[in-house]
Amino acid sequence: MLRPLENRVILDISKYKKEETTSSGIILTGESSKEAPVYGVVVAVGPGRTLDNGEVVKIEVKEGDKVVYHSFTATEVEYEGKEYIIVPVQDILAVVE
């Protein structure tokens, strides 16, 4: 399994991946559609950010949380045939309850 470092979180986006083709067959291009907040499920959480004094600030989300994130800084990864993204925790906007 992938293990995120520092204050990063790995999200499974397979259920929520946006369509890049409209219903009439028009293919959407450009980065603007990737900048909108989208959904994902947390599959792994890093240990947190280490402050200068050595204290570790833990991450507030946990595995299994459905979250809304800003995809601007997301890194897409394919692992064992499945698509994931890695995002810094500060790009997670909300937990869906």
Protein backbone atom coordinates (compact mmCIF):
# COMPACT_ATOMS: atom_id res chain seq x y z
CA MET A 1 0.00 0.00 0.00
CA LEU A 2 1.02 3.59 -0.49
CA ARG A 3 2.09 5.40 2.69
CA PRO A 4 1.93 9.21 2.62
CA LEU A 5 4.67 11.26 4.24
CA GLU A 6 4.38 14.30 6.50
CA ASN A 7 1.06 16.14 6.19
CA ARG A 8 -0.20 14.38 3.06
CA VAL A 9 -3.31 12.28 2.56
CA ILE A 10 -4.07 9.66 -0.11
CA LEU A 11 -7.58 9.74 -1.54
CA ASP A 12 -9.48 7.20 -3.63
CA ILE A 13 -11.23 9.23 -6.31
CA SER A 14 -12.54 6.39 -8.47
CA LYS A 15 -16.19 6.80 -7.37
CA TYR A 16 -16.18 10.55 -7.81
CA LYS A 17 -14.04 11.11 -10.90
CA LYS A 18 -15.54 13.84 -13.06
CA GLU A 19 -16.57 13.13 -16.60
CA GLU A 20 -14.32 14.91 -19.08
CA THR A 21 -16.79 14.49 -21.93
CA THR A 22 -20.20 16.17 -22.03
CA SER A 23 -23.37 14.18 -22.75
CA SER A 24 -23.32 15.55 -26.30
CA GLY A 25 -19.79 14.22 -26.84
CA ILE A 26 -17.80 17.42 -26.37
CA ILE A 27 -14.46 16.73 -24.72
CA LEU A 28 -13.60 19.22 -21.98
CA THR A 29 -10.01 20.43 -21.97
CA GLY A 30 -7.97 22.83 -19.88
CA GLU A 31 -7.06 23.03 -16.26
CA SER A 32 -10.08 25.04 -15.05
CA SER A 33 -12.25 21.95 -14.52
CA LYS A 34 -9.51 20.40 -12.35
CA GLU A 35 -9.40 23.41 -10.03
CA ALA A 36 -12.91 22.95 -8.64
CA PRO A 37 -13.41 21.21 -5.28
CA VAL A 38 -14.20 17.52 -5.65
CA TYR A 39 -14.88 14.43 -3.52
CA GLY A 40 -12.65 11.56 -2.45
CA VAL A 41 -12.36 8.90 0.25
CA VAL A 42 -9.33 8.90 2.56
CA VAL A 43 -7.39 5.64 2.24
CA ALA A 44 -4.16 6.62 4.03
CA VAL A 45 -2.97 9.46 6.27
CA GLY A 46 0.58 10.64 6.89
CA PRO A 47 1.96 11.11 10.42
CA GLY A 48 1.47 14.89 10.36
CA ARG A 49 3.60 17.99 10.15
CA THR A 50 6.62 18.34 12.43
CA LEU A 51 7.07 21.79 13.96
CA ASP A 52 10.46 23.39 14.56
CA ASN A 53 10.29 22.38 18.24
CA GLY A 54 9.83 18.71 17.28
CA GLU A 55 6.12 18.55 18.10
CA VAL A 56 4.00 16.65 15.54
CA VAL A 57 0.70 18.22 14.48
CA LYS A 58 -1.59 15.29 13.72
CA ILE A 59 -3.94 15.22 10.75
CA GLU A 60 -7.65 15.61 11.57
CA VAL A 61 -9.05 13.26 8.92
CA LYS A 62 -8.98 9.47 9.19
CA GLU A 63 -9.21 6.51 6.84
CA GLY A 64 -12.71 6.08 5.46
CA ASP A 65 -13.68 9.77 5.69
CA LYS A 66 -15.38 11.18 2.59
CA VAL A 67 -13.87 14.60 1.99
CA VAL A 68 -14.11 17.59 -0.29
CA TYR A 69 -10.71 18.72 -1.51
CA HIS A 70 -9.27 21.34 -3.81
CA SER A 71 -7.58 19.54 -6.68
CA PHE A 72 -5.18 22.33 -7.66
CA THR A 73 -2.13 20.73 -5.97
CA ALA A 74 -3.24 17.09 -6.17
CA THR A 75 -0.77 14.53 -7.51
CA GLU A 76 -2.38 11.69 -9.44
CA VAL A 77 -0.97 8.19 -8.89
CA GLU A 78 -1.91 4.79 -10.24
CA TYR A 79 -1.13 1.90 -7.90
CA GLU A 80 -2.06 -1.73 -8.52
CA GLY A 81 -4.47 -0.72 -11.28
CA LYS A 82 -6.38 1.84 -9.19
CA GLU A 83 -6.29 5.64 -9.36
CA TYR A 84 -5.46 7.68 -6.28
CA ILE A 85 -4.43 11.22 -5.56
CA ILE A 86 -2.07 12.57 -2.94
CA VAL A 87 -2.97 15.96 -1.46
CA PRO A 88 -1.52 18.12 1.29
CA VAL A 89 -3.91 18.14 4.24
CA GLN A 90 -4.43 21.90 3.91
CA ASP A 91 -6.17 21.25 0.56
CA ILE A 92 -8.89 19.19 2.28
CA LEU A 93 -11.76 21.63 2.68
CA ALA A 94 -14.34 19.54 4.56
CA VAL A 95 -15.38 16.12 5.81
CA VAL A 96 -18.77 14.97 4.49
CA GLU A 97 -20.84 13.51 7.35
